[in-house]
Amino acid sequence: MIELNEPQVWTLIGVFAAALFGVITLVATMFVRVIRSEIGGLRGEIIAELAGVNRRIDALDRDVQALVKHTFGIDRG
């Protein structure tokens, strides 16, 4: 039976610990990259949506101005 004080056992423990540390580092790095790319995509979608809302407000402002001019006779000069 292999005892815990043999050098091969400690070498295997070290190799497995290094491999586990490497895998955890790799997964954490990839997770951060995915989160950053998702936030970037969300930022782009929000900016595009706000631009659409801004266009709608501009169109509504033009319509309201036309109604006010028509109602109060401002355009008949």
PDB file of N, CA and C in Angstrom:
ATOM      1  N   MET A   1       0.835  -1.169   0.000  1.00  0.00           N
ATOM      2  CA  MET A   1       0.000   0.000   0.000  1.00  0.00           C
ATOM      3  C   MET A   1       0.894   1.252   0.000  1.00  0.00           C
ATOM      4  N   ILE A   2       0.479   2.256  -0.770  1.00  0.00           N
ATOM      5  CA  ILE A   2       1.265   3.481  -0.875  1.00  0.00           C
ATOM      6  C   ILE A   2       0.951   4.370   0.319  1.00  0.00           C
ATOM      7  N   GLU A   3       2.013   4.847   0.978  1.00  0.00           N
ATOM      8  CA  GLU A   3       1.818   5.728   2.123  1.00  0.00           C
ATOM      9  C   GLU A   3       1.925   7.183   1.698  1.00  0.00           C
ATOM     10  N   LEU A   4       1.443   8.073   2.534  1.00  0.00           N
ATOM     11  CA  LEU A   4       1.376   9.484   2.210  1.00  0.00           C
ATOM     12  C   LEU A   4       2.732  10.182   2.285  1.00  0.00           C
ATOM     13  N   ASN A   5       3.756   9.496   2.762  1.00  0.00           N
ATOM     14  CA  ASN A   5       5.062  10.130   2.880  1.00  0.00           C
ATOM     15  C   ASN A   5       5.985   9.801   1.707  1.00  0.00           C
ATOM     16  N   GLU A   6       5.491   9.174   0.666  1.00  0.00           N
ATOM     17  CA  GLU A   6       6.322   8.876  -0.494  1.00  0.00           C
ATOM     18  C   GLU A   6       6.334  10.073  -1.445  1.00  0.00           C
ATOM     19  N   PRO A   7       7.475  10.314  -2.102  1.00  0.00           N
ATOM     20  CA  PRO A   7       7.607  11.490  -2.974  1.00  0.00           C
ATOM     21  C   PRO A   7       6.631  11.485  -4.161  1.00  0.00           C
ATOM     22  N   GLN A   8       6.326  10.310  -4.706  1.00  0.00           N
ATOM     23  CA  GLN A   8       5.410  10.258  -5.842  1.00  0.00           C
ATOM     24  C   GLN A   8       4.021  10.760  -5.460  1.00  0.00           C
ATOM     25  N   VAL A   9       3.572  10.478  -4.261  1.00  0.00           N
ATOM     26  CA  VAL A   9       2.261  10.916  -3.797  1.00  0.00           C
ATOM     27  C   VAL A   9       2.236  12.431  -3.706  1.00  0.00           C
ATOM     28  N   TRP A  10       3.285  13.023  -3.132  1.00  0.00           N
ATOM     29  CA  TRP A  10       3.333  14.478  -3.011  1.00  0.00           C
ATOM     30  C   TRP A  10       3.461  15.145  -4.380  1.00  0.00           C
ATOM     31  N   THR A  11       4.151  14.486  -5.287  1.00  0.00           N
ATOM     32  CA  THR A  11       4.248  15.024  -6.651  1.00  0.00           C
ATOM     33  C   THR A  11       2.881  15.026  -7.315  1.00  0.00           C
ATOM     34  N   LEU A  12       2.133  13.943  -7.182  1.00  0.00           N
ATOM     35  CA  LEU A  12       0.792  13.883  -7.753  1.00  0.00           C
ATOM     36  C   LEU A  12      -0.149  14.910  -7.107  1.00  0.00           C
ATOM     37  N   ILE A  13      -0.033  15.075  -5.802  1.00  0.00           N
ATOM     38  CA  ILE A  13      -0.857  16.078  -5.127  1.00  0.00           C
ATOM     39  C   ILE A  13      -0.535  17.462  -5.680  1.00  0.00           C
ATOM     40  N   GLY A  14       0.740  17.770  -5.870  1.00  0.00           N
ATOM     41  CA  GLY A  14       1.148  19.055  -6.425  1.00  0.00           C
ATOM     42  C   GLY A  14       0.656  19.250  -7.848  1.00  0.00           C
ATOM     43  N   VAL A  15       0.753  18.202  -8.664  1.00  0.00           N
ATOM     44  CA  VAL A  15       0.295  18.290 -10.059  1.00  0.00           C
ATOM     45  C   VAL A  15      -1.214  18.514 -10.103  1.00  0.00           C
ATOM     46  N   PHE A  16      -1.957  17.777  -9.310  1.00  0.00           N
ATOM     47  CA  PHE A  16      -3.414  17.942  -9.298  1.00  0.00           C
ATOM     48  C   PHE A  16      -3.814  19.318  -8.762  1.00  0.00           C
ATOM     49  N   ALA A  17      -3.103  19.815  -7.746  1.00  0.00           N
ATOM     50  CA  ALA A  17      -3.402  21.138  -7.208  1.00  0.00           C
ATOM     51  C   ALA A  17      -3.124  22.219  -8.257  1.00  0.00           C
ATOM     52  N   ALA A  18      -2.008  22.091  -8.976  1.00  0.00           N
ATOM     53  CA  ALA A  18      -1.677  23.068 -10.018  1.00  0.00           C
ATOM     54  C   ALA A  18      -2.694  23.012 -11.155  1.00  0.00           C
ATOM     55  N   ALA A  19      -3.112  21.802 -11.527  1.00  0.00           N
ATOM     56  CA  ALA A  19      -4.103  21.667 -12.589  1.00  0.00           C
ATOM     57  C   ALA A  19      -5.445  22.270 -12.154  1.00  0.00           C
ATOM     58  N   LEU A  20      -5.841  22.028 -10.925  1.00  0.00           N
ATOM     59  CA  LEU A  20      -7.099  22.586 -10.410  1.00  0.00           C
ATOM     60  C   LEU A  20      -7.033  24.112 -10.360  1.00  0.00           C
ATOM     61  N   PHE A  21      -5.913  24.650  -9.902  1.00  0.00           N
ATOM     62  CA  PHE A  21      -5.737  26.099  -9.862  1.00  0.00           C
ATOM     63  C   PHE A  21      -5.784  26.687 -11.271  1.00  0.00           C
ATOM     64  N   GLY A  22      -5.166  26.013 -12.230  1.00  0.00           N
ATOM     65  CA  GLY A  22      -5.185  26.480 -13.618  1.00  0.00           C
ATOM     66  C   GLY A  22      -6.581  26.466 -14.210  1.00  0.00           C
ATOM     67  N   VAL A  23      -7.342  25.435 -13.955  1.00  0.00           N
ATOM     68  CA  VAL A  23      -8.708  25.343 -14.475  1.00  0.00           C
ATOM     69  C   VAL A  23      -9.593  26.415 -13.855  1.00  0.00           C
ATOM     70  N   ILE A  24      -9.451  26.630 -12.553  1.00  0.00           N
ATOM     71  CA  ILE A  24     -10.245  27.671 -11.893  1.00  0.00           C
ATOM     72  C   ILE A  24      -9.894  29.041 -12.466  1.00  0.00           C
ATOM     73  N   THR A  25      -8.615  29.298 -12.708  1.00  0.00           N
ATOM     74  CA  THR A  25      -8.196  30.573 -13.295  1.00  0.00           C
ATOM     75  C   THR A  25      -8.770  30.737 -14.699  1.00  0.00           C
ATOM     76  N   LEU A  26      -8.711  29.686 -15.498  1.00  0.00           N
ATOM     77  CA  LEU A  26      -9.235  29.738 -16.862  1.00  0.00           C
ATOM     78  C   LEU A  26     -10.741  30.004 -16.874  1.00  0.00           C
ATOM     79  N   VAL A  27     -11.469  29.324 -16.043  1.00  0.00           N
ATOM     80  CA  VAL A  27     -12.926  29.506 -15.988  1.00  0.00           C
ATOM     81  C   VAL A  27     -13.267  30.917 -15.516  1.00  0.00           C
ATOM     82  N   ALA A  28     -12.561  31.416 -14.520  1.00  0.00           N
ATOM     83  CA  ALA A  28     -12.836  32.769 -14.030  1.00  0.00           C
ATOM     84  C   ALA A  28     -12.543  33.807 -15.111  1.00  0.00           C
ATOM     85  N   THR A  29     -11.446  33.642 -15.839  1.00  0.00           N
ATOM     86  CA  THR A  29     -11.095  34.577 -16.904  1.00  0.00           C
ATOM     87  C   THR A  29     -12.136  34.562 -18.013  1.00  0.00           C
ATOM     88  N   MET A  30     -12.568  33.386 -18.413  1.00  0.00           N
ATOM     89  CA  MET A  30     -13.580  33.293 -19.469  1.00  0.00           C
ATOM     90  C   MET A  30     -14.911  33.863 -19.000  1.00  0.00           C
ATOM     91  N   PHE A  31     -15.256  33.662 -17.740  1.00  0.00           N
ATOM     92  CA  PHE A  31     -16.494  34.200 -17.198  1.00  0.00           C
ATOM     93  C   PHE A  31     -16.474  35.720 -17.234  1.00  0.00           C
ATOM     94  N   VAL A  32     -15.364  36.321 -16.852  1.00  0.00           N
ATOM     95  CA  VAL A  32     -15.247  37.790 -16.874  1.00  0.00           C
ATOM     96  C   VAL A  32     -15.361  38.298 -18.304  1.00  0.00           C
ATOM     97  N   ARG A  33     -14.746  37.613 -19.259  1.00  0.00           N
ATOM     98  CA  ARG A  33     -14.838  38.035 -20.664  1.00  0.00           C
ATOM     99  C   ARG A  33     -16.274  37.973 -21.175  1.00  0.00           C
ATOM    100  N   VAL A  34     -16.979  36.924 -20.825  1.00  0.00           N
ATOM    101  CA  VAL A  34     -18.371  36.786 -21.264  1.00  0.00           C
ATOM    102  C   VAL A  34     -19.228  37.889 -20.657  1.00  0.00           C
ATOM    103  N   ILE A  35     -19.042  38.163 -19.386  1.00  0.00           N
ATOM    104  CA  ILE A  35     -19.817  39.216 -18.721  1.00  0.00           C
ATOM    105  C   ILE A  35     -19.532  40.568 -19.371  1.00  0.00           C
ATOM    106  N   ARG A  36     -18.264  40.854 -19.668  1.00  0.00           N
ATOM    107  CA  ARG A  36     -17.922  42.135 -20.303  1.00  0.00           C
ATOM    108  C   ARG A  36     -18.546  42.254 -21.690  1.00  0.00           C
ATOM    109  N   SER A  37     -18.524  41.180 -22.456  1.00  0.00           N
ATOM    110  CA  SER A  37     -19.107  41.256 -23.803  1.00  0.00           C
ATOM    111  C   SER A  37     -20.626  41.403 -23.731  1.00  0.00           C
ATOM    112  N   GLU A  38     -21.260  40.761 -22.776  1.00  0.00           N
ATOM    113  CA  GLU A  38     -22.706  40.901 -22.619  1.00  0.00           C
ATOM    114  C   GLU A  38     -23.076  42.321 -22.201  1.00  0.00           C
ATOM    115  N   ILE A  39     -22.294  42.910 -21.316  1.00  0.00           N
ATOM    116  CA  ILE A  39     -22.550  44.286 -20.903  1.00  0.00           C
ATOM    117  C   ILE A  39     -22.359  45.225 -22.081  1.00  0.00           C
ATOM    118  N   GLY A  40     -21.335  44.980 -22.905  1.00  0.00           N
ATOM    119  CA  GLY A  40     -21.119  45.804 -24.086  1.00  0.00           C
ATOM    120  C   GLY A  40     -22.267  45.701 -25.070  1.00  0.00           C
ATOM    121  N   GLY A  41     -22.777  44.501 -25.280  1.00  0.00           N
ATOM    122  CA  GLY A  41     -23.924  44.324 -26.164  1.00  0.00           C
ATOM    123  C   GLY A  41     -25.167  44.999 -25.628  1.00  0.00           C
ATOM    124  N   LEU A  42     -25.366  44.891 -24.333  1.00  0.00           N
ATOM    125  CA  LEU A  42     -26.517  45.541 -23.709  1.00  0.00           C
ATOM    126  C   LEU A  42     -26.406  47.057 -23.833  1.00  0.00           C
ATOM    127  N   ARG A  43     -25.187  47.577 -23.670  1.00  0.00           N
ATOM    128  CA  ARG A  43     -24.982  49.017 -23.815  1.00  0.00           C
ATOM    129  C   ARG A  43     -25.361  49.468 -25.225  1.00  0.00           C
ATOM    130  N   GLY A  44     -24.963  48.702 -26.233  1.00  0.00           N
ATOM    131  CA  GLY A  44     -25.311  49.042 -27.615  1.00  0.00           C
ATOM    132  C   GLY A  44     -26.811  49.013 -27.856  1.00  0.00           C
ATOM    133  N   GLU A  45     -27.480  48.020 -27.299  1.00  0.00           N
ATOM    134  CA  GLU A  45     -28.933  47.935 -27.461  1.00  0.00           C
ATOM    135  C   GLU A  45     -29.641  49.100 -26.781  1.00  0.00           C
ATOM    136  N   ILE A  46     -29.176  49.481 -25.608  1.00  0.00           N
ATOM    137  CA  ILE A  46     -29.806  50.590 -24.896  1.00  0.00           C
ATOM    138  C   ILE A  46     -29.604  51.895 -25.656  1.00  0.00           C
ATOM    139  N   ILE A  47     -28.410  52.107 -26.193  1.00  0.00           N
ATOM    140  CA  ILE A  47     -28.143  53.326 -26.963  1.00  0.00           C
ATOM    141  C   ILE A  47     -29.030  53.366 -28.203  1.00  0.00           C
ATOM    142  N   ALA A  48     -29.179  52.243 -28.879  1.00  0.00           N
ATOM    143  CA  ALA A  48     -30.041  52.201 -30.065  1.00  0.00           C
ATOM    144  C   ALA A  48     -31.499  52.466 -29.695  1.00  0.00           C
ATOM    145  N   GLU A  49     -31.937  51.911 -28.599  1.00  0.00           N
ATOM    146  CA  GLU A  49     -33.329  52.119 -28.159  1.00  0.00           C
ATOM    147  C   GLU A  49     -33.566  53.580 -27.782  1.00  0.00           C
ATOM    148  N   LEU A  50     -32.607  54.188 -27.106  1.00  0.00           N
ATOM    149  CA  LEU A  50     -32.757  55.594 -26.741  1.00  0.00           C
ATOM    150  C   LEU A  50     -32.761  56.489 -27.972  1.00  0.00           C
ATOM    151  N   ALA A  51     -32.005  56.125 -28.996  1.00  0.00           N
ATOM    152  CA  ALA A  51     -32.024  56.899 -30.233  1.00  0.00           C
ATOM    153  C   ALA A  51     -33.411  56.804 -30.887  1.00  0.00           C
ATOM    154  N   GLY A  52     -34.025  55.628 -30.838  1.00  0.00           N
ATOM    155  CA  GLY A  52     -35.375  55.470 -31.377  1.00  0.00           C
ATOM    156  C   GLY A  52     -36.393  56.279 -30.604  1.00  0.00           C
ATOM    157  N   VAL A  53     -36.264  56.302 -29.288  1.00  0.00           N
ATOM    158  CA  VAL A  53     -37.172  57.099 -28.460  1.00  0.00           C
ATOM    159  C   VAL A  53     -36.983  58.585 -28.767  1.00  0.00           C
ATOM    160  N   ASN A  54     -35.744  59.002 -28.958  1.00  0.00           N
ATOM    161  CA  ASN A  54     -35.475  60.397 -29.275  1.00  0.00           C
ATOM    162  C   ASN A  54     -36.111  60.795 -30.612  1.00  0.00           C
ATOM    163  N   ARG A  55     -36.055  59.899 -31.596  1.00  0.00           N
ATOM    164  CA  ARG A  55     -36.703  60.185 -32.885  1.00  0.00           C
ATOM    165  C   ARG A  55     -38.212  60.305 -32.718  1.00  0.00           C
ATOM    166  N   ARG A  56     -38.792  59.443 -31.889  1.00  0.00           N
ATOM    167  CA  ARG A  56     -40.243  59.512 -31.664  1.00  0.00           C
ATOM    168  C   ARG A  56     -40.632  60.807 -30.974  1.00  0.00           C
ATOM    169  N   ILE A  57     -39.834  61.240 -30.018  1.00  0.00           N
ATOM    170  CA  ILE A  57     -40.133  62.496 -29.320  1.00  0.00           C
ATOM    171  C   ILE A  57     -40.021  63.666 -30.287  1.00  0.00           C
ATOM    172  N   ASP A  58     -39.016  63.644 -31.156  1.00  0.00           N
ATOM    173  CA  ASP A  58     -38.885  64.718 -32.145  1.00  0.00           C
ATOM    174  C   ASP A  58     -40.102  64.765 -33.069  1.00  0.00           C
ATOM    175  N   ALA A  59     -40.564  63.597 -33.517  1.00  0.00           N
ATOM    176  CA  ALA A  59     -41.744  63.549 -34.387  1.00  0.00           C
ATOM    177  C   ALA A  59     -42.986  64.041 -33.641  1.00  0.00           C
ATOM    178  N   LEU A  60     -43.135  63.662 -32.389  1.00  0.00           N
ATOM    179  CA  LEU A  60     -44.264  64.119 -31.581  1.00  0.00           C
ATOM    180  C   LEU A  60     -44.204  65.632 -31.376  1.00  0.00           C
ATOM    181  N   ASP A  61     -43.004  66.167 -31.166  1.00  0.00           N
ATOM    182  CA  ASP A  61     -42.852  67.611 -30.999  1.00  0.00           C
ATOM    183  C   ASP A  61     -43.277  68.358 -32.263  1.00  0.00           C
ATOM    184  N   ARG A  62     -42.896  67.836 -33.431  1.00  0.00           N
ATOM    185  CA  ARG A  62     -43.318  68.469 -34.686  1.00  0.00           C
ATOM    186  C   ARG A  62     -44.830  68.435 -34.835  1.00  0.00           C
ATOM    187  N   ASP A  63     -45.434  67.298 -34.492  1.00  0.00           N
ATOM    188  CA  ASP A  63     -46.887  67.181 -34.601  1.00  0.00           C
ATOM    189  C   ASP A  63     -47.606  68.143 -33.657  1.00  0.00           C
ATOM    190  N   VAL A  64     -47.125  68.258 -32.428  1.00  0.00           N
ATOM    191  CA  VAL A  64     -47.745  69.159 -31.460  1.00  0.00           C
ATOM    192  C   VAL A  64     -47.591  70.609 -31.914  1.00  0.00           C
ATOM    193  N   GLN A  65     -46.425  70.964 -32.433  1.00  0.00           N
ATOM    194  CA  GLN A  65     -46.232  72.326 -32.937  1.00  0.00           C
ATOM    195  C   GLN A  65     -47.183  72.619 -34.096  1.00  0.00           C
ATOM    196  N   ALA A  66     -47.372  71.667 -34.985  1.00  0.00           N
ATOM    197  CA  ALA A  66     -48.293  71.865 -36.104  1.00  0.00           C
ATOM    198  C   ALA A  66     -49.722  72.030 -35.603  1.00  0.00           C
ATOM    199  N   LEU A  67     -50.132  71.242 -34.614  1.00  0.00           N
ATOM    200  CA  LEU A  67     -51.482  71.372 -34.058  1.00  0.00           C
ATOM    201  C   LEU A  67     -51.682  72.721 -33.377  1.00  0.00           C
ATOM    202  N   VAL A  68     -50.682  73.182 -32.634  1.00  0.00           N
ATOM    203  CA  VAL A  68     -50.791  74.475 -31.954  1.00  0.00           C
ATOM    204  C   VAL A  68     -50.884  75.594 -32.974  1.00  0.00           C
ATOM    205  N   LYS A  69     -50.070  75.544 -34.001  1.00  0.00           N
ATOM    206  CA  LYS A  69     -50.115  76.576 -35.042  1.00  0.00           C
ATOM    207  C   LYS A  69     -51.471  76.580 -35.738  1.00  0.00           C
ATOM    208  N   HIS A  70     -51.991  75.405 -36.019  1.00  0.00           N
ATOM    209  CA  HIS A  70     -53.283  75.307 -36.693  1.00  0.00           C
ATOM    210  C   HIS A  70     -54.418  75.773 -35.781  1.00  0.00           C
ATOM    211  N   THR A  71     -54.378  75.360 -34.513  1.00  0.00           N
ATOM    212  CA  THR A  71     -55.454  75.683 -33.577  1.00  0.00           C
ATOM    213  C   THR A  71     -55.517  77.181 -33.268  1.00  0.00           C
ATOM    214  N   PHE A  72     -54.379  77.764 -33.035  1.00  0.00           N
ATOM    215  CA  PHE A  72     -54.365  79.190 -32.657  1.00  0.00           C
ATOM    216  C   PHE A  72     -54.143  80.126 -33.839  1.00  0.00           C
ATOM    217  N   GLY A  73     -54.116  79.577 -35.042  1.00  0.00           N
ATOM    218  CA  GLY A  73     -54.000  80.393 -36.230  1.00  0.00           C
ATOM    219  C   GLY A  73     -52.679  81.118 -36.399  1.00  0.00           C
ATOM    220  N   ILE A  74     -51.626  80.570 -35.855  1.00  0.00           N
ATOM    221  CA  ILE A  74     -50.324  81.219 -35.939  1.00  0.00           C
ATOM    222  C   ILE A  74     -49.787  81.159 -37.356  1.00  0.00           C
ATOM    223  N   ASP A  75     -50.109  80.074 -38.091  1.00  0.00           N
ATOM    224  CA  ASP A  75     -49.553  79.928 -39.437  1.00  0.00           C
ATOM    225  C   ASP A  75     -50.252  80.829 -40.460  1.00  0.00           C
ATOM    226  N   ARG A  76     -51.351  81.502 -40.097  1.00  0.00           N
ATOM    227  CA  ARG A  76     -52.039  82.393 -41.038  1.00  0.00           C
ATOM    228  C   ARG A  76     -51.558  83.820 -40.773  1.00  0.00           C
ATOM    229  N   GLY A  77     -50.543  84.227 -41.427  1.00  0.00           N
ATOM    230  CA  GLY A  77     -50.015  85.526 -41.113  1.00  0.00           C
ATOM    231  C   GLY A  77     -50.314  86.563 -42.040  1.00  0.00           C
TER     232      GLY A  77
END
